[in-house]
Each structure stands twice: as structure tokens, then as C-alpha cells.
């Protein structure tokens, strides 16, 4: 995985990044749906 995604996963686990922020990042194209799934452990329902 990309460094950005690994960092986001750690921040998400610590509660420093919200699902809403990650959803926005998918919509903006910063991360992919698969990366969202990896970070949150949930299926993207955009």
C-alpha cells in the first residue's frame, strides 16, 4: 500500500481521521474505493 494509505489507516485507528473525511477523499480521487475498504475495514458505499 501507498505511504499515504498506511498513514491514514493509523490515523483512522486512533480516531484522528473520520469516515466522512475518507469518503470525501474517495470522491476527490485522493484514495481509491479499495483503499477506503482497507483503511476502514468496511465496504465503500459511496
PDB file of N, CA and C in Angstrom:
ATOM      1  N   UNK A   1       0.838  -1.195   0.000  1.00  0.00           N
ATOM      2  CA  UNK A   1       0.000   0.000   0.000  1.00  0.00           C
ATOM      3  C   UNK A   1       0.880   1.255   0.000  1.00  0.00           C
ATOM      4  N   UNK A   2       0.285   2.299  -0.492  1.00  0.00           N
ATOM      5  CA  UNK A   2       0.991   3.581  -0.507  1.00  0.00           C
ATOM      6  C   UNK A   2       1.188   4.104   0.908  1.00  0.00           C
ATOM      7  N   UNK A   3       2.212   4.913   1.074  1.00  0.00           N
ATOM      8  CA  UNK A   3       2.523   5.507   2.375  1.00  0.00           C
ATOM      9  C   UNK A   3       1.342   6.322   2.898  1.00  0.00           C
ATOM     10  N   UNK A   4       0.691   7.080   2.020  1.00  0.00           N
ATOM     11  CA  UNK A   4      -0.469   7.881   2.414  1.00  0.00           C
ATOM     12  C   UNK A   4      -1.548   7.000   3.025  1.00  0.00           C
ATOM     13  N   UNK A   5      -1.821   5.874   2.400  1.00  0.00           N
ATOM     14  CA  UNK A   5      -2.884   4.986   2.863  1.00  0.00           C
ATOM     15  C   UNK A   5      -2.527   4.381   4.214  1.00  0.00           C
ATOM     16  N   UNK A   6      -1.288   3.984   4.382  1.00  0.00           N
ATOM     17  CA  UNK A   6      -0.850   3.429   5.670  1.00  0.00           C
ATOM     18  C   UNK A   6      -0.967   4.479   6.769  1.00  0.00           C
ATOM     19  N   UNK A   7      -0.602   5.701   6.465  1.00  0.00           N
ATOM     20  CA  UNK A   7      -0.717   6.792   7.437  1.00  0.00           C
ATOM     21  C   UNK A   7      -2.174   7.051   7.802  1.00  0.00           C
ATOM     22  N   UNK A   8      -3.034   7.066   6.791  1.00  0.00           N
ATOM     23  CA  UNK A   8      -4.461   7.274   7.043  1.00  0.00           C
ATOM     24  C   UNK A   8      -5.040   6.141   7.881  1.00  0.00           C
ATOM     25  N   UNK A   9      -4.593   4.925   7.641  1.00  0.00           N
ATOM     26  CA  UNK A   9      -5.084   3.787   8.414  1.00  0.00           C
ATOM     27  C   UNK A   9      -4.727   3.952   9.893  1.00  0.00           C
ATOM     28  N   UNK A  10      -3.494   4.360  10.165  1.00  0.00           N
ATOM     29  CA  UNK A  10      -3.082   4.584  11.556  1.00  0.00           C
ATOM     30  C   UNK A  10      -3.882   5.723  12.190  1.00  0.00           C
ATOM     31  N   UNK A  11      -4.056   6.805  11.451  1.00  0.00           N
ATOM     32  CA  UNK A  11      -4.811   7.942  11.976  1.00  0.00           C
ATOM     33  C   UNK A  11      -6.274   7.578  12.208  1.00  0.00           C
ATOM     34  N   UNK A  12      -6.844   6.792  11.314  1.00  0.00           N
ATOM     35  CA  UNK A  12      -8.233   6.343  11.469  1.00  0.00           C
ATOM     36  C   UNK A  12      -8.367   5.476  12.720  1.00  0.00           C
ATOM     37  N   UNK A  13      -7.417   4.596  12.935  1.00  0.00           N
ATOM     38  CA  UNK A  13      -7.449   3.714  14.106  1.00  0.00           C
ATOM     39  C   UNK A  13      -7.364   4.514  15.404  1.00  0.00           C
ATOM     40  N   UNK A  14      -6.682   5.639  15.363  1.00  0.00           N
ATOM     41  CA  UNK A  14      -6.545   6.494  16.548  1.00  0.00           C
ATOM     42  C   UNK A  14      -7.692   7.496  16.690  1.00  0.00           C
ATOM     43  N   UNK A  15      -8.583   7.514  15.711  1.00  0.00           N
ATOM     44  CA  UNK A  15      -9.715   8.437  15.760  1.00  0.00           C
ATOM     45  C   UNK A  15      -9.391   9.842  15.298  1.00  0.00           C
ATOM     46  N   UNK A  16      -8.277  10.008  14.618  1.00  0.00           N
ATOM     47  CA  UNK A  16      -7.862  11.336  14.166  1.00  0.00           C
ATOM     48  C   UNK A  16      -8.392  11.674  12.771  1.00  0.00           C
ATOM     49  N   UNK A  17      -8.869  10.646  12.041  1.00  0.00           N
ATOM     50  CA  UNK A  17      -9.471  10.832  10.723  1.00  0.00           C
ATOM     51  C   UNK A  17     -10.835  10.152  10.757  1.00  0.00           C
ATOM     52  N   UNK A  18     -11.851  10.859  10.277  1.00  0.00           N
ATOM     53  CA  UNK A  18     -13.209  10.315  10.303  1.00  0.00           C
ATOM     54  C   UNK A  18     -13.546   9.604   8.994  1.00  0.00           C
ATOM     55  N   UNK A  19     -14.597   8.793   9.038  1.00  0.00           N
ATOM     56  CA  UNK A  19     -15.087   8.134   7.822  1.00  0.00           C
ATOM     57  C   UNK A  19     -15.543   9.183   6.816  1.00  0.00           C
ATOM     58  N   UNK A  20     -16.130  10.253   7.303  1.00  0.00           N
ATOM     59  CA  UNK A  20     -16.606  11.304   6.411  1.00  0.00           C
ATOM     60  C   UNK A  20     -15.448  11.912   5.627  1.00  0.00           C
ATOM     61  N   UNK A  21     -14.325  12.131   6.294  1.00  0.00           N
ATOM     62  CA  UNK A  21     -13.141  12.664   5.624  1.00  0.00           C
ATOM     63  C   UNK A  21     -12.638  11.676   4.579  1.00  0.00           C
ATOM     64  N   UNK A  22     -12.629  10.398   4.916  1.00  0.00           N
ATOM     65  CA  UNK A  22     -12.178   9.382   3.971  1.00  0.00           C
ATOM     66  C   UNK A  22     -13.120   9.294   2.771  1.00  0.00           C
ATOM     67  N   UNK A  23     -14.424   9.409   3.015  1.00  0.00           N
ATOM     68  CA  UNK A  23     -15.397   9.417   1.915  1.00  0.00           C
ATOM     69  C   UNK A  23     -15.132  10.591   0.976  1.00  0.00           C
ATOM     70  N   UNK A  24     -14.835  11.729   1.539  1.00  0.00           N
ATOM     71  CA  UNK A  24     -14.508  12.906   0.736  1.00  0.00           C
ATOM     72  C   UNK A  24     -13.252  12.663  -0.089  1.00  0.00           C
ATOM     73  N   UNK A  25     -12.272  12.017   0.517  1.00  0.00           N
ATOM     74  CA  UNK A  25     -11.019  11.729  -0.191  1.00  0.00           C
ATOM     75  C   UNK A  25     -11.250  10.779  -1.368  1.00  0.00           C
ATOM     76  N   UNK A  26     -12.187   9.838  -1.226  1.00  0.00           N
ATOM     77  CA  UNK A  26     -12.522   8.948  -2.338  1.00  0.00           C
ATOM     78  C   UNK A  26     -13.194   9.756  -3.444  1.00  0.00           C
ATOM     79  N   UNK A  27     -14.134  10.604  -3.088  1.00  0.00           N
ATOM     80  CA  UNK A  27     -14.860  11.409  -4.073  1.00  0.00           C
ATOM     81  C   UNK A  27     -13.933  12.356  -4.820  1.00  0.00           C
ATOM     82  N   UNK A  28     -12.893  12.852  -4.129  1.00  0.00           N
ATOM     83  CA  UNK A  28     -11.934  13.759  -4.753  1.00  0.00           C
ATOM     84  C   UNK A  28     -10.871  13.006  -5.555  1.00  0.00           C
ATOM     85  N   UNK A  29     -10.815  11.691  -5.384  1.00  0.00           N
ATOM     86  CA  UNK A  29      -9.831  10.901  -6.110  1.00  0.00           C
ATOM     87  C   UNK A  29      -8.491  10.772  -5.418  1.00  0.00           C
ATOM     88  N   UNK A  30      -8.425  11.193  -4.163  1.00  0.00           N
ATOM     89  CA  UNK A  30      -7.177  11.103  -3.408  1.00  0.00           C
ATOM     90  C   UNK A  30      -6.850   9.659  -3.048  1.00  0.00           C
ATOM     91  N   UNK A  31      -7.886   8.906  -2.683  1.00  0.00           N
ATOM     92  CA  UNK A  31      -7.726   7.479  -2.415  1.00  0.00           C
ATOM     93  C   UNK A  31      -8.785   6.730  -3.213  1.00  0.00           C
ATOM     94  N   UNK A  32      -8.546   5.448  -3.435  1.00  0.00           N
ATOM     95  CA  UNK A  32      -9.500   4.634  -4.196  1.00  0.00           C
ATOM     96  C   UNK A  32     -10.513   3.993  -3.255  1.00  0.00           C
ATOM     97  N   UNK A  33     -11.548   3.409  -3.846  1.00  0.00           N
ATOM     98  CA  UNK A  33     -12.539   2.685  -3.044  1.00  0.00           C
ATOM     99  C   UNK A  33     -11.886   1.511  -2.319  1.00  0.00           C
ATOM    100  N   UNK A  34     -10.976   0.829  -3.005  1.00  0.00           N
ATOM    101  CA  UNK A  34     -10.278  -0.305  -2.392  1.00  0.00           C
ATOM    102  C   UNK A  34      -9.432   0.152  -1.205  1.00  0.00           C
ATOM    103  N   UNK A  35      -8.807   1.315  -1.330  1.00  0.00           N
ATOM    104  CA  UNK A  35      -8.013   1.850  -0.222  1.00  0.00           C
ATOM    105  C   UNK A  35      -8.907   2.244   0.945  1.00  0.00           C
ATOM    106  N   UNK A  36     -10.079   2.800   0.642  1.00  0.00           N
ATOM    107  CA  UNK A  36     -11.050   3.112   1.696  1.00  0.00           C
ATOM    108  C   UNK A  36     -11.422   1.838   2.446  1.00  0.00           C
ATOM    109  N   UNK A  37     -11.693   0.762   1.701  1.00  0.00           N
ATOM    110  CA  UNK A  37     -12.049  -0.518   2.309  1.00  0.00           C
ATOM    111  C   UNK A  37     -10.919  -1.015   3.203  1.00  0.00           C
ATOM    112  N   UNK A  38      -9.688  -0.876   2.741  1.00  0.00           N
ATOM    113  CA  UNK A  38      -8.517  -1.306   3.506  1.00  0.00           C
ATOM    114  C   UNK A  38      -8.390  -0.504   4.806  1.00  0.00           C
ATOM    115  N   UNK A  39      -8.583   0.798   4.724  1.00  0.00           N
ATOM    116  CA  UNK A  39      -8.420   1.673   5.890  1.00  0.00           C
ATOM    117  C   UNK A  39      -9.498   1.415   6.931  1.00  0.00           C
ATOM    118  N   UNK A  40     -10.756   1.354   6.487  1.00  0.00           N
ATOM    119  CA  UNK A  40     -11.871   1.267   7.428  1.00  0.00           C
ATOM    120  C   UNK A  40     -12.280  -0.161   7.755  1.00  0.00           C
ATOM    121  N   UNK A  41     -11.951  -1.083   6.876  1.00  0.00           N
ATOM    122  CA  UNK A  41     -12.408  -2.459   7.060  1.00  0.00           C
ATOM    123  C   UNK A  41     -13.859  -2.639   6.666  1.00  0.00           C
ATOM    124  N   UNK A  42     -14.421  -1.638   6.002  1.00  0.00           N
ATOM    125  CA  UNK A  42     -15.813  -1.668   5.562  1.00  0.00           C
ATOM    126  C   UNK A  42     -15.889  -1.459   4.063  1.00  0.00           C
ATOM    127  N   UNK A  43     -16.942  -1.921   3.451  1.00  0.00           N
ATOM    128  CA  UNK A  43     -17.141  -1.751   2.018  1.00  0.00           C
ATOM    129  C   UNK A  43     -17.587  -0.323   1.737  1.00  0.00           C
ATOM    130  N   UNK A  44     -17.001   0.271   0.713  1.00  0.00           N
ATOM    131  CA  UNK A  44     -17.361   1.634   0.304  1.00  0.00           C
ATOM    132  C   UNK A  44     -18.764   1.633  -0.282  1.00  0.00           C
ATOM    133  N   UNK A  45     -19.607   2.524   0.234  1.00  0.00           N
ATOM    134  CA  UNK A  45     -20.998   2.616  -0.225  1.00  0.00           C
ATOM    135  C   UNK A  45     -21.302   3.974  -0.858  1.00  0.00           C
ATOM    136  N   UNK A  46     -20.268   4.660  -1.313  1.00  0.00           N
ATOM    137  CA  UNK A  46     -20.355   5.997  -1.882  1.00  0.00           C
ATOM    138  C   UNK A  46     -21.615   6.318  -2.552  1.00  0.00           C
TER     139      UNK A  46
END
